[in-house]
Amino acid sequence: MTRYAIIALLLLAAVIAAISWKSDEELLGQSRQQIRSSCLARAGTSATVQQAQLAAFCDCSADKVVAALGVQGVRQLQWSTTPLEADHERMKAIGPACLAETAKR
């Protein structure tokens, strides 16, 4: 599952950079959906992880990344492929937090 966390977070910059200028609500919703879709696509299928757990992990990751970055952080990543140091530190904590959260289910 740690692999999935890293994949989801590494893809964040590329996914968000592809988003065109939208309203704040549209931007956050589209970012969340793209992060979730990328997470699921990169993870593929696994014999050791149930698809429901994987979906829950990707949902958690997408929600937490968008919440951590907020509109300003997401817009910043539209124009830069490197997150700000503070955003990067927040994102590094998301994978383990979502892993712990989904393990409880």
Protein backbone atom coordinates (compact mmCIF):
# COMPACT_ATOMS: atom_id res chain seq x y z
CA MET A 1 0.00 0.00 0.00
CA THR A 2 2.91 2.37 0.59
CA ARG A 3 3.68 2.07 -3.10
CA TYR A 4 0.20 3.37 -3.86
CA ALA A 5 0.69 6.36 -1.59
CA ILE A 6 3.88 7.32 -3.32
CA ILE A 7 2.38 6.84 -6.77
CA ALA A 8 -0.64 8.97 -5.94
CA LEU A 9 1.40 11.80 -4.52
CA LEU A 10 4.03 11.79 -7.24
CA LEU A 11 1.36 12.06 -9.88
CA LEU A 12 -0.22 15.03 -8.19
CA ALA A 13 1.91 17.69 -9.84
CA ALA A 14 1.45 16.30 -13.35
CA VAL A 15 -2.29 15.83 -12.93
CA ILE A 16 -2.96 19.25 -11.53
CA ALA A 17 -0.75 20.94 -14.11
CA ALA A 18 -3.04 19.59 -16.82
CA ILE A 19 -6.12 21.29 -15.39
CA SER A 20 -7.29 24.41 -17.20
CA TRP A 21 -8.40 27.55 -15.34
CA LYS A 22 -11.69 26.81 -13.56
CA SER A 23 -13.73 28.26 -10.74
CA ASP A 24 -12.43 27.31 -7.31
CA GLU A 25 -15.14 24.68 -6.82
CA GLU A 26 -14.65 23.19 -10.27
CA LEU A 27 -10.88 23.19 -9.86
CA LEU A 28 -10.94 21.34 -6.55
CA GLY A 29 -13.54 18.83 -7.75
CA GLN A 30 -11.67 18.12 -10.96
CA SER A 31 -8.36 17.87 -9.13
CA ARG A 32 -9.81 15.40 -6.65
CA GLN A 33 -11.26 13.26 -9.43
CA GLN A 34 -8.04 13.27 -11.45
CA ILE A 35 -5.92 12.36 -8.43
CA ARG A 36 -8.30 9.52 -7.57
CA SER A 37 -8.38 8.24 -11.16
CA SER A 38 -4.60 8.38 -11.48
CA CYS A 39 -4.16 6.59 -8.18
CA LEU A 40 -6.51 3.78 -9.23
CA ALA A 41 -4.98 3.49 -12.70
CA ARG A 42 -1.40 3.37 -11.44
CA ALA A 43 -2.23 0.88 -8.73
CA GLY A 44 -3.89 -1.53 -11.15
CA THR A 45 -4.98 -4.77 -9.61
CA SER A 46 -3.36 -6.55 -6.73
CA ALA A 47 -3.89 -10.00 -5.34
CA THR A 48 -2.98 -8.77 -1.87
CA VAL A 49 -5.14 -5.64 -1.73
CA GLN A 50 -8.90 -5.70 -2.10
CA GLN A 51 -10.26 -3.29 -4.68
CA ALA A 52 -12.54 -1.73 -2.06
CA GLN A 53 -9.50 -0.95 0.12
CA LEU A 54 -7.63 0.48 -2.84
CA ALA A 55 -10.59 2.67 -3.80
CA ALA A 56 -10.89 3.86 -0.19
CA PHE A 57 -7.17 4.66 -0.10
CA CYS A 58 -7.34 6.61 -3.38
CA ASP A 59 -10.45 8.50 -2.20
CA CYS A 60 -8.74 9.36 1.07
CA SER A 61 -5.57 10.49 -0.71
CA ALA A 62 -7.45 12.65 -3.19
CA ASP A 63 -9.55 14.27 -0.47
CA LYS A 64 -6.58 14.97 1.78
CA VAL A 65 -4.30 16.27 -0.98
CA VAL A 66 -6.93 18.71 -2.23
CA ALA A 67 -7.74 19.79 1.32
CA ALA A 68 -4.06 20.22 2.20
CA LEU A 69 -3.25 22.26 -0.88
CA GLY A 70 -6.43 24.26 -1.09
CA VAL A 71 -7.25 26.43 -4.07
CA GLN A 72 -4.05 28.44 -3.87
CA GLY A 73 -1.83 25.35 -3.75
CA VAL A 74 -3.66 23.66 -6.62
CA ARG A 75 -3.40 26.79 -8.75
CA GLN A 76 0.31 27.07 -7.87
CA LEU A 77 0.86 23.55 -9.21
CA GLN A 78 -0.86 24.50 -12.45
CA TRP A 79 2.10 26.72 -13.23
CA SER A 80 4.89 24.77 -11.56
CA THR A 81 5.73 21.06 -11.53
CA THR A 82 7.30 21.36 -8.10
CA PRO A 83 5.13 21.94 -5.04
CA LEU A 84 6.14 24.51 -2.47
CA GLU A 85 8.20 23.02 0.37
CA ALA A 86 5.37 23.42 2.89
CA ASP A 87 2.91 21.73 0.51
CA HIS A 88 5.39 18.93 -0.15
CA GLU A 89 5.76 18.27 3.58
CA ARG A 90 1.98 18.13 4.05
CA MET A 91 1.60 15.75 1.09
CA LYS A 92 4.28 13.38 2.41
CA ALA A 93 2.16 12.77 5.51
CA ILE A 94 -0.99 11.94 3.54
CA GLY A 95 -0.01 8.48 2.31
CA PRO A 96 0.68 7.01 5.76
CA ALA A 97 -2.42 8.72 7.20
CA CYS A 98 -4.66 7.26 4.49
CA LEU A 99 -3.00 3.87 4.82
CA ALA A 100 -3.79 3.84 8.53
CA GLU A 101 -7.32 5.09 7.91
CA THR A 102 -8.13 2.46 5.28
CA ALA A 103 -6.57 -0.34 7.33
CA LYS A 104 -9.24 0.29 9.99
CA ARG A 105 -12.04 -0.47 7.53
